Amino acid sequence: GVALLLLAASETAALKLPSHKVAAVVALLAATLYLALSGASVATQRSYMMISLVFLGLIVSRKGLTLHSVALAGLVLLLLAPERLLHPGFQMSFAAVICLVAVYGAWRMHRDERGTFQLRTDGGMIRRLLSYVARALAGLLVTALVAGVATGVVGAHHFGRIAPMGLLGNLLGMPVFTLVIMPMGVLALVLMPFGLAALPLKLMEAGLELLLAIASWTIDLGTDGLGVGNGHLVPPGDLATLLLIIGLFLVVLARCWFRLAGVPALLLATGLIWSERPPDVQVSASGERVAIRGAGGLLYIASRRAGFETDIWLQAEGQAQVAFQRQKMTPDQYRCDGMGCVYQAYPPEPKRELRKVASETRRGIEQRVSGTSTGQPLYIAMPKTPQAFSMDCFLADLVITDLEVPDDCAAEIVIAGAGRRGAGALSLWLETVKDNRTSQERGSGLTRTVVDHWIAAKSRPARPWHKGTP
């Protein structure tokens, strides 16, 4: 805009030079400078590729902002670093851009066909002003809604978070960011060599403070006022997320009635999300940290302090990191000594009552039995010494250890030795099944807890980056 204004100020330049092409070259140089100053993150590289194609399109008299240019930008970035395809930043950035370009392309075609949404030149100044404001607000609303939905799917999968008040926050914050923060930042950069950057930086600071105030207000409104919560949820699985993306892309990219083909994918993804549940037992790769689901349905963590693993486990539960303090494992859920530890785990059942079961072994702890039945917990032993096997293999349902377990170990499931070390972190899902066994040690009942299935962090055969590990 500045380049066009300066060229228009000169009669000779305005008449003899291709002003828009010269301005595009200047803007391209400015974008390159910004790319270098910003650190060139994936989102910035994508933005640079897109805006470069727009400016190159102006230079060669072609339309630059199309889905073809989006595909070309993605191809270039993936050729430089193919692993970016799995990065959340890459996925969120391109999901938002693809949906925005598709939606605005359809909007432009509809406008050209119907002659609507045109900025009227007839009528009074107030009518023209209202028409301009209406178009700006409509564009802002569509941008916030489309970008929020596209990035929300990817963000929910990777981080277990959505923004319930994101649409309102974007509607209020984007004008401040667009009209105050970024222009003042650019002006400060231009005036900095002359020592005149103080005033634009002050205005930029005021804009940032206003933006933070808007964000804080929307959070308080959503959590306390409207009661929609802080946005934590159980992350959708891989298949559910893939179906959501496919359904979303079909809705925005397909033409006419073919858009309805995305509805079955969205419905199937919704069903998968509804049926999914997080693991009931989590074991870190080192075996030093454990998370066990209690009878009340909450996941309790056996760790003195929070860490990366505990944050990931809480995220899988759809909970914030601050939940760590109130979900530390209590003494009635485990027992440890010099030979190892024994934990008791339950499947996610809301009904529960307390019952004490006497025993002289390390299992003699308070049990939380679900419902009014005599359902028993799953006992998980993690022995640290070979001496513990004589007890754990006989009494425990599941044995997890890095040691080599004797061949006559009677536990139902054993994950031990080199297989345990090569598996890395473990996630296990439990379920309740009928049990007609009666014994003095286990008690009598109709149900018992068993391992439904479990997965390991490291695959078999080992991936190239896992080879060489014990």
Protein backbone atom coordinates (compact mmCIF):
# COMPACT_ATOMS: atom_id res chain seq x y z
CA GLY A 1 0.00 0.00 0.00
CA VAL A 2 2.80 2.44 0.82
CA ALA A 3 4.58 1.59 -2.43
CA LEU A 4 1.40 2.20 -4.44
CA LEU A 5 0.83 5.50 -2.66
CA LEU A 6 4.34 6.73 -3.40
CA LEU A 7 4.14 5.68 -7.05
CA ALA A 8 0.75 7.37 -7.42
CA ALA A 9 2.23 10.59 -6.02
CA SER A 10 4.49 10.86 -9.07
CA GLU A 11 2.78 11.56 -12.39
CA THR A 12 5.66 10.09 -14.38
CA ALA A 13 5.78 6.88 -12.32
CA ALA A 14 2.01 6.46 -12.36
CA LEU A 15 1.86 6.80 -16.16
CA LYS A 16 4.99 4.89 -17.22
CA LEU A 17 5.54 2.20 -14.57
CA PRO A 18 3.39 -0.89 -13.81
CA SER A 19 2.61 0.33 -10.31
CA HIS A 20 1.01 -2.85 -9.00
CA LYS A 21 3.91 -5.03 -10.17
CA VAL A 22 6.50 -2.67 -8.65
CA ALA A 23 4.54 -2.64 -5.39
CA ALA A 24 4.36 -6.46 -5.48
CA VAL A 25 8.16 -6.66 -5.75
CA VAL A 26 8.56 -4.28 -2.80
CA ALA A 27 6.06 -6.28 -0.74
CA LEU A 28 7.81 -9.54 -1.63
CA LEU A 29 11.10 -8.12 -0.35
CA ALA A 30 9.36 -6.99 2.85
CA ALA A 31 7.85 -10.47 3.32
CA THR A 32 11.29 -12.04 2.87
CA LEU A 33 12.70 -9.70 5.52
CA TYR A 34 9.88 -10.62 7.90
CA LEU A 35 10.53 -14.34 7.29
CA ALA A 36 14.16 -13.87 8.28
CA LEU A 37 13.31 -11.80 11.37
CA SER A 38 10.55 -14.10 12.65
CA GLY A 39 12.60 -17.30 12.90
CA ALA A 40 10.87 -19.02 9.95
CA SER A 41 8.48 -21.34 11.80
CA VAL A 42 6.35 -23.76 9.78
CA ALA A 43 3.31 -21.47 9.87
CA THR A 44 5.42 -18.47 8.82
CA GLN A 45 6.99 -20.46 5.97
CA ARG A 46 3.53 -21.46 4.78
CA SER A 47 2.36 -17.84 4.95
CA TYR A 48 5.47 -16.71 3.10
CA MET A 49 4.94 -19.27 0.35
CA MET A 50 1.30 -18.24 -0.04
CA ILE A 51 1.89 -14.50 -0.10
CA SER A 52 4.87 -14.96 -2.45
CA LEU A 53 2.64 -16.80 -4.90
CA VAL A 54 0.11 -13.95 -4.66
CA PHE A 55 2.78 -11.34 -5.42
CA LEU A 56 4.31 -13.46 -8.19
CA GLY A 57 0.81 -13.79 -9.64
CA LEU A 58 0.51 -9.99 -9.65
CA ILE A 59 3.90 -9.69 -11.36
CA VAL A 60 2.98 -12.13 -14.16
CA SER A 61 -0.70 -11.01 -14.30
CA ARG A 62 -2.11 -14.26 -12.89
CA LYS A 63 -4.34 -15.08 -9.95
CA GLY A 64 -2.13 -16.27 -7.10
CA LEU A 65 -4.41 -17.21 -4.20
CA THR A 66 -5.98 -20.53 -5.26
CA LEU A 67 -6.04 -24.10 -4.03
CA HIS A 68 -3.30 -24.79 -6.59
CA SER A 69 -1.04 -22.33 -4.80
CA VAL A 70 -1.86 -23.95 -1.46
CA ALA A 71 -0.92 -27.35 -2.88
CA LEU A 72 2.30 -25.93 -4.34
CA ALA A 73 3.27 -24.34 -1.00
CA GLY A 74 2.63 -27.61 0.84
CA LEU A 75 4.64 -29.58 -1.74
CA VAL A 76 7.65 -27.28 -1.40
CA LEU A 77 7.60 -27.42 2.41
CA LEU A 78 7.28 -31.22 2.43
CA LEU A 79 10.11 -31.62 -0.05
CA LEU A 80 12.33 -29.61 2.28
CA ALA A 81 11.26 -31.55 5.39
CA PRO A 82 8.82 -34.46 4.86
CA GLU A 83 8.45 -35.08 8.61
CA ARG A 84 6.51 -31.81 8.90
CA LEU A 85 3.43 -33.65 7.67
CA LEU A 86 2.97 -35.09 11.18
CA HIS A 87 3.62 -31.82 13.03
CA PRO A 88 0.56 -30.13 14.60
CA GLY A 89 1.66 -26.71 13.34
CA PHE A 90 1.81 -27.88 9.73
CA GLN A 91 -1.53 -29.66 9.93
CA MET A 92 -3.35 -26.77 11.63
CA SER A 93 -1.88 -24.17 9.30
CA PHE A 94 -2.77 -25.95 6.06
CA ALA A 95 -6.15 -27.18 7.30
CA ALA A 96 -7.15 -23.58 8.02
CA VAL A 97 -5.79 -22.23 4.72
CA ILE A 98 -7.37 -24.96 2.59
CA CYS A 99 -10.78 -24.40 4.16
CA LEU A 100 -10.52 -20.60 3.99
CA VAL A 101 -9.46 -20.54 0.33
CA ALA A 102 -12.21 -23.02 -0.58
CA VAL A 103 -14.93 -21.16 1.33
CA TYR A 104 -13.97 -17.72 0.01
CA GLY A 105 -13.64 -19.12 -3.50
CA ALA A 106 -17.19 -20.45 -3.31
CA TRP A 107 -18.36 -17.18 -1.75
CA ARG A 108 -16.78 -15.17 -4.57
CA MET A 109 -18.38 -17.39 -7.23
CA HIS A 110 -21.77 -17.03 -5.54
CA ARG A 111 -21.32 -13.26 -5.33
CA ASP A 112 -20.37 -12.98 -8.98
CA GLU A 113 -23.32 -15.12 -10.07
CA ARG A 114 -25.94 -13.45 -7.88
CA GLY A 115 -24.48 -9.97 -7.79
CA THR A 116 -24.78 -9.88 -4.01
CA PHE A 117 -22.37 -8.66 -1.35
CA GLN A 118 -21.29 -5.86 -3.69
CA LEU A 119 -20.11 -2.60 -2.20
CA ARG A 120 -22.77 -0.18 -3.39
CA THR A 121 -21.62 3.08 -4.92
CA ASP A 122 -25.11 4.56 -5.12
CA GLY A 123 -26.93 6.09 -2.20
CA GLY A 124 -25.56 8.22 0.57
CA MET A 125 -22.34 8.01 2.49
CA ILE A 126 -24.00 6.32 5.46
CA ARG A 127 -25.38 3.56 3.24
CA ARG A 128 -21.99 2.94 1.68
CA LEU A 129 -20.35 2.93 5.11
CA LEU A 130 -22.88 0.45 6.49
CA SER A 131 -22.41 -1.77 3.45
CA TYR A 132 -18.65 -1.73 3.93
CA VAL A 133 -18.94 -2.50 7.66
CA ALA A 134 -21.39 -5.33 6.99
CA ARG A 135 -19.01 -6.93 4.49
CA ALA A 136 -16.09 -6.55 6.88
CA LEU A 137 -18.01 -8.11 9.78
CA ALA A 138 -19.27 -10.96 7.57
CA GLY A 139 -15.74 -11.67 6.38
CA LEU A 140 -14.44 -11.58 9.95
CA LEU A 141 -17.16 -13.96 11.12
CA VAL A 142 -16.59 -16.42 8.29
CA THR A 143 -12.81 -16.34 8.77
CA ALA A 144 -13.05 -16.95 12.50
CA LEU A 145 -15.62 -19.72 12.14
CA VAL A 146 -13.91 -21.61 9.31
CA ALA A 147 -10.39 -21.30 10.74
CA GLY A 148 -11.64 -22.21 14.23
CA VAL A 149 -13.34 -25.39 13.05
CA ALA A 150 -10.40 -26.48 10.86
CA THR A 151 -7.74 -25.92 13.52
CA GLY A 152 -10.03 -27.17 16.29
CA VAL A 153 -10.13 -30.70 14.89
CA VAL A 154 -6.34 -30.94 14.70
CA GLY A 155 -5.85 -29.23 18.05
CA ALA A 156 -8.29 -31.59 19.79
CA HIS A 157 -6.43 -34.62 18.43
CA HIS A 158 -2.93 -33.46 19.38
CA PHE A 159 -3.54 -31.46 22.55
CA GLY A 160 -6.94 -32.54 23.88
CA ARG A 161 -8.11 -28.93 23.78
CA ILE A 162 -10.71 -26.92 21.95
CA ALA A 163 -11.62 -23.26 22.27
CA PRO A 164 -15.32 -23.05 23.27
CA MET A 165 -15.24 -19.25 23.10
CA GLY A 166 -12.76 -19.06 20.24
CA LEU A 167 -15.22 -17.60 17.77
CA LEU A 168 -16.13 -14.73 20.08
CA GLY A 169 -12.48 -14.18 21.05
CA ASN A 170 -11.40 -14.04 17.41
CA LEU A 171 -14.20 -11.66 16.46
CA LEU A 172 -13.10 -9.26 19.20
CA GLY A 173 -9.35 -9.77 18.93
CA MET A 174 -8.73 -9.91 15.18
CA PRO A 175 -9.56 -6.21 14.54
CA VAL A 176 -7.14 -5.20 17.30
CA PHE A 177 -4.45 -7.46 15.91
CA THR A 178 -5.01 -6.41 12.30
CA LEU A 179 -5.54 -2.66 12.74
CA VAL A 180 -3.26 -1.88 15.69
CA ILE A 181 -0.70 -4.51 16.67
CA MET A 182 0.75 -5.56 13.30
CA PRO A 183 0.75 -2.09 11.66
CA MET A 184 2.47 -0.55 14.70
CA GLY A 185 5.00 -3.38 14.68
CA VAL A 186 5.82 -2.72 11.04
CA LEU A 187 6.01 1.03 11.64
CA ALA A 188 8.31 0.50 14.63
CA LEU A 189 10.61 -1.65 12.50
CA VAL A 190 10.76 1.04 9.80
CA LEU A 191 11.42 3.87 12.29
CA MET A 192 13.85 1.93 14.48
CA PRO A 193 17.02 2.95 12.52
CA PHE A 194 16.06 6.58 13.09
CA GLY A 195 15.43 6.21 16.81
CA LEU A 196 11.72 6.95 16.44
CA ALA A 197 10.26 3.55 17.35
CA ALA A 198 9.11 4.49 20.87
CA LEU A 199 5.63 5.78 19.97
CA PRO A 200 4.60 2.87 17.67
CA LEU A 201 5.93 0.38 20.23
CA LYS A 202 3.83 2.05 22.94
CA LEU A 203 0.75 1.77 20.73
CA MET A 204 1.66 -1.84 19.97
CA GLU A 205 1.99 -2.52 23.70
CA ALA A 206 -1.45 -1.03 24.32
CA GLY A 207 -2.88 -3.24 21.58
CA LEU A 208 -1.29 -6.35 23.07
CA GLU A 209 -2.65 -5.51 26.51
CA LEU A 210 -6.11 -5.08 25.03
CA LEU A 211 -5.76 -8.40 23.21
CA LEU A 212 -4.79 -10.17 26.45
CA ALA A 213 -7.71 -8.52 28.23
CA ILE A 214 -10.08 -9.79 25.53
CA ALA A 215 -8.65 -13.31 25.87
CA SER A 216 -9.00 -13.23 29.67
CA TRP A 217 -12.58 -11.96 29.43
CA THR A 218 -13.64 -14.65 26.97
CA ILE A 219 -12.09 -17.36 29.17
CA ASP A 220 -13.93 -16.06 32.25
CA LEU A 221 -17.16 -15.74 30.28
CA GLY A 222 -16.95 -19.30 29.00
CA THR A 223 -15.88 -20.90 32.28
CA ASP A 224 -17.87 -18.93 34.85
CA GLY A 225 -20.56 -17.14 32.88
CA LEU A 226 -21.74 -19.65 30.29
CA GLY A 227 -20.34 -22.76 31.96
CA VAL A 228 -18.83 -24.27 28.80
CA GLY A 229 -15.60 -25.20 30.61
CA ASN A 230 -11.98 -24.62 29.76
CA GLY A 231 -11.97 -26.72 26.60
CA HIS A 232 -10.22 -29.87 27.84
CA LEU A 233 -11.52 -33.10 26.31
CA VAL A 234 -10.44 -36.67 25.61
CA PRO A 235 -8.43 -36.43 22.35
CA PRO A 236 -10.14 -38.11 19.37
CA GLY A 237 -8.36 -41.15 18.03
CA ASP A 238 -6.48 -41.38 14.74
CA LEU A 239 -9.38 -42.85 12.74
CA ALA A 240 -11.94 -40.43 14.18
CA THR A 241 -9.68 -37.45 13.43
CA LEU A 242 -9.04 -38.68 9.88
CA LEU A 243 -12.78 -39.05 9.27
CA LEU A 244 -13.41 -35.57 10.67
CA ILE A 245 -10.81 -34.07 8.31
CA ILE A 246 -12.18 -36.03 5.32
CA GLY A 247 -15.74 -34.96 6.11
CA LEU A 248 -14.72 -31.32 6.60
CA PHE A 249 -12.74 -31.21 3.34
CA LEU A 250 -15.58 -32.82 1.40
CA VAL A 251 -18.03 -30.25 2.74
CA VAL A 252 -15.86 -27.26 1.76
CA LEU A 253 -14.09 -28.58 -1.34
CA ALA A 254 -16.77 -30.57 -3.16
CA ARG A 255 -19.26 -28.96 -5.50
CA CYS A 256 -23.03 -28.76 -5.18
CA TRP A 257 -24.71 -31.90 -3.82
CA PHE A 258 -21.40 -33.79 -3.60
CA ARG A 259 -20.79 -31.89 -0.38
CA LEU A 260 -23.29 -34.18 1.29
CA ALA A 261 -20.77 -37.01 0.91
CA GLY A 262 -18.92 -35.55 3.90
CA VAL A 263 -21.90 -35.99 6.24
CA PRO A 264 -21.51 -39.82 6.69
CA ALA A 265 -17.83 -39.37 7.52
CA LEU A 266 -18.67 -36.74 10.14
CA LEU A 267 -21.40 -38.92 11.66
CA LEU A 268 -19.11 -41.97 11.80
CA ALA A 269 -16.37 -39.89 13.40
CA THR A 270 -18.84 -38.65 16.02
CA GLY A 271 -19.77 -42.25 16.85
CA LEU A 272 -16.12 -43.24 17.20
CA ILE A 273 -15.42 -40.29 19.49
CA TRP A 274 -18.40 -41.20 21.65
CA SER A 275 -17.20 -44.82 22.01
CA GLU A 276 -13.53 -44.09 22.66
CA ARG A 277 -12.08 -44.00 26.16
CA PRO A 278 -8.57 -43.35 27.48
CA PRO A 279 -6.34 -46.09 28.95
CA ASP A 280 -6.96 -47.32 32.49
CA VAL A 281 -3.31 -48.09 33.23
CA GLN A 282 -0.30 -46.09 32.08
CA VAL A 283 3.33 -47.10 32.64
CA SER A 284 6.24 -44.87 31.63
CA ALA A 285 9.08 -46.16 29.50
CA SER A 286 11.40 -46.29 32.52
CA GLY A 287 8.75 -47.97 34.68
CA GLU A 288 9.26 -45.38 37.41
CA ARG A 289 5.92 -43.61 36.90
CA VAL A 290 2.55 -45.30 36.90
CA ALA A 291 -1.03 -44.11 36.53
CA ILE A 292 -3.92 -46.34 37.63
CA ARG A 293 -7.67 -45.79 37.33
CA GLY A 294 -9.40 -45.93 40.67
CA ALA A 295 -12.85 -47.26 41.48
CA GLY A 296 -14.28 -43.75 41.21
CA GLY A 297 -13.31 -43.49 37.54
CA LEU A 298 -10.44 -41.02 38.00
CA LEU A 299 -6.89 -41.74 36.92
CA TYR A 300 -4.49 -41.55 39.88
CA ILE A 301 -0.78 -41.01 39.36
CA ALA A 302 2.01 -42.56 41.42
CA SER A 303 4.63 -39.82 41.19
CA ARG A 304 6.00 -37.22 43.55
CA ARG A 305 6.13 -34.46 40.98
CA ALA A 306 4.60 -33.64 37.64
CA GLY A 307 6.53 -34.31 34.46
CA PHE A 308 6.16 -34.84 30.75
CA GLU A 309 4.56 -38.27 31.14
CA THR A 310 2.03 -37.10 33.71
CA ASP A 311 1.06 -34.15 31.52
CA ILE A 312 0.45 -36.50 28.58
CA TRP A 313 -1.59 -38.88 30.75
CA LEU A 314 -3.78 -36.09 32.07
CA GLN A 315 -4.18 -34.75 28.55
CA ALA A 316 -5.40 -38.18 27.42
CA GLU A 317 -7.97 -37.99 30.23
CA GLY A 318 -9.18 -34.62 28.99
CA GLN A 319 -7.90 -32.84 32.10
CA ALA A 320 -5.64 -29.87 32.72
CA GLN A 321 -2.12 -30.23 34.12
CA VAL A 322 -3.22 -28.62 37.38
CA ALA A 323 -5.25 -31.79 38.11
CA PHE A 324 -2.01 -33.57 39.04
CA GLN A 325 -2.05 -32.38 42.64
CA ARG A 326 -5.56 -33.67 43.37
CA GLN A 327 -5.03 -36.95 41.49
CA LYS A 328 -1.93 -38.22 43.21
CA MET A 329 -2.28 -41.86 44.13
CA THR A 330 -3.43 -42.41 47.70
CA PRO A 331 -1.98 -45.09 50.04
CA ASP A 332 -5.12 -47.22 49.76
CA GLN A 333 -4.46 -47.81 46.04
CA TYR A 334 -0.97 -49.27 46.16
CA ARG A 335 1.69 -50.70 48.41
CA CYS A 336 5.44 -50.61 47.88
CA ASP A 337 8.40 -52.15 49.70
CA GLY A 338 11.99 -52.96 48.89
CA MET A 339 10.98 -55.77 46.55
CA GLY A 340 8.54 -53.80 44.40
CA CYS A 341 5.05 -52.38 44.23
CA VAL A 342 1.51 -53.70 43.85
CA TYR A 343 -1.31 -51.56 42.45
CA GLN A 344 -5.02 -52.16 42.13
CA ALA A 345 -6.83 -50.90 39.04
CA TYR A 346 -10.47 -50.68 38.00
CA PRO A 347 -12.26 -50.13 34.71
CA PRO A 348 -14.15 -46.81 34.45
CA GLU A 349 -17.31 -47.49 36.45
CA PRO A 350 -19.13 -44.63 38.20
CA LYS A 351 -20.81 -46.67 40.91
CA ARG A 352 -18.71 -47.71 43.84
CA GLU A 353 -18.63 -48.44 47.53
CA LEU A 354 -15.88 -49.09 50.04
CA ARG A 355 -15.16 -52.53 51.41
CA LYS A 356 -12.24 -53.79 53.47
CA VAL A 357 -10.76 -57.16 52.67
CA ALA A 358 -8.30 -58.58 55.18
CA SER A 359 -5.13 -60.24 53.96
CA GLU A 360 -1.67 -60.86 55.31
CA THR A 361 0.04 -60.24 52.00
CA ARG A 362 1.00 -56.94 50.39
CA ARG A 363 -2.53 -56.87 48.98
CA GLY A 364 -4.06 -56.32 52.39
CA ILE A 365 -5.23 -52.79 51.63
CA GLU A 366 -8.59 -51.08 51.39
CA GLN A 367 -10.38 -52.03 48.19
CA ARG A 368 -12.91 -50.01 46.27
CA VAL A 369 -15.47 -52.44 44.92
CA SER A 370 -17.76 -51.18 42.19
CA GLY A 371 -21.51 -51.22 42.63
CA THR A 372 -23.24 -53.61 44.95
CA SER A 373 -21.62 -56.64 43.32
CA THR A 374 -18.39 -58.24 44.47
CA GLY A 375 -16.33 -57.10 41.51
CA GLN A 376 -12.62 -57.26 42.24
CA PRO A 377 -9.83 -54.92 41.11
CA LEU A 378 -7.03 -55.98 38.83
CA TYR A 379 -3.82 -56.46 40.81
CA ILE A 380 -0.71 -55.23 39.02
CA ALA A 381 2.68 -56.22 40.41
CA MET A 382 5.88 -54.45 39.42
CA PRO A 383 8.66 -56.43 41.14
CA LYS A 384 12.12 -54.93 41.47
CA THR A 385 13.96 -58.00 42.78
CA PRO A 386 13.81 -61.74 41.85
CA GLN A 387 12.70 -62.53 45.43
CA ALA A 388 9.35 -60.86 44.75
CA PHE A 389 8.37 -63.33 42.02
CA SER A 390 7.38 -66.06 44.48
CA MET A 391 4.57 -63.83 45.76
CA ASP A 392 3.71 -61.67 42.76
CA CYS A 393 3.49 -64.47 40.20
CA PHE A 394 1.05 -66.33 42.46
CA LEU A 395 -1.12 -63.43 43.62
CA ALA A 396 -1.02 -60.78 40.89
CA ASP A 397 -3.14 -60.73 37.75
CA LEU A 398 -0.57 -58.76 35.78
CA VAL A 399 3.21 -58.62 36.22
CA ILE A 400 5.24 -55.83 34.62
CA THR A 401 9.00 -55.79 35.16
CA ASP A 402 12.30 -55.35 33.37
CA LEU A 403 13.59 -58.51 35.07
CA GLU A 404 13.42 -61.97 33.56
CA VAL A 405 10.38 -63.79 35.00
CA PRO A 406 10.50 -67.53 35.81
CA ASP A 407 8.77 -69.81 33.32
CA ASP A 408 6.36 -71.11 35.95
CA CYS A 409 4.93 -67.63 36.73
CA ALA A 410 1.19 -68.11 37.23
CA ALA A 411 0.08 -64.52 36.51
CA GLU A 412 -2.45 -64.22 33.70
CA ILE A 413 -0.40 -61.63 31.81
CA VAL A 414 3.36 -61.12 32.07
CA ILE A 415 5.20 -58.25 30.37
CA ALA A 416 8.82 -58.67 31.35
CA GLY A 417 12.46 -58.85 30.36
CA ALA A 418 13.69 -57.73 26.98
CA GLY A 419 10.14 -57.53 25.68
CA ARG A 420 9.22 -55.02 28.37
CA ARG A 421 12.34 -52.93 27.78
CA GLY A 422 11.79 -52.95 24.04
CA ALA A 423 8.12 -52.02 24.34
CA GLY A 424 8.73 -48.63 25.94
CA ALA A 425 5.75 -46.96 27.60
CA LEU A 426 2.63 -49.10 28.05
CA SER A 427 -1.09 -48.30 27.92
CA LEU A 428 -3.67 -50.85 29.06
CA TRP A 429 -7.48 -50.93 28.89
CA LEU A 430 -9.50 -52.90 31.43
CA GLU A 431 -12.98 -54.39 31.41
CA THR A 432 -15.27 -56.23 33.79
CA VAL A 433 -16.23 -59.85 33.01
CA LYS A 434 -18.30 -62.48 34.77
CA ASP A 435 -16.45 -64.59 37.31
CA ASN A 436 -17.91 -67.61 39.11
CA ARG A 437 -14.71 -68.48 40.94
CA THR A 438 -14.83 -68.79 44.70
CA SER A 439 -11.75 -68.80 46.86
CA GLN A 440 -10.80 -67.58 50.28
CA GLU A 441 -8.00 -65.37 48.97
CA ARG A 442 -9.85 -63.63 46.17
CA GLY A 443 -13.31 -63.65 47.62
CA SER A 444 -16.43 -64.78 45.82
CA GLY A 445 -18.28 -62.73 43.26
CA LEU A 446 -19.89 -62.50 39.90
CA THR A 447 -17.49 -60.12 38.17
CA ARG A 448 -13.78 -59.53 37.94
CA THR A 449 -11.50 -57.09 36.17
CA VAL A 450 -9.28 -58.24 33.30
CA VAL A 451 -7.04 -56.62 30.70
CA ASP A 452 -9.03 -56.09 27.51
CA HIS A 453 -6.04 -55.04 25.41
CA TRP A 454 -2.80 -53.10 25.67
CA ILE A 455 -0.43 -51.26 23.36
CA ALA A 456 3.23 -50.31 23.54
CA ALA A 457 4.86 -47.06 22.48
CA LYS A 458 7.47 -48.88 20.39
CA SER A 459 6.31 -51.07 17.56
CA ARG A 460 7.48 -54.51 16.52
CA PRO A 461 9.54 -54.73 14.43
CA ALA A 462 11.34 -51.68 15.73
CA ARG A 463 11.27 -48.52 13.65
CA PRO A 464 14.67 -47.26 12.39
CA TRP A 465 14.91 -44.59 15.10
CA HIS A 466 14.26 -47.22 17.81
CA LYS A 467 16.91 -49.67 16.61
CA GLY A 468 19.86 -50.01 18.89
CA THR A 469 17.80 -49.42 22.03
CA PRO A 470 17.78 -52.21 24.62
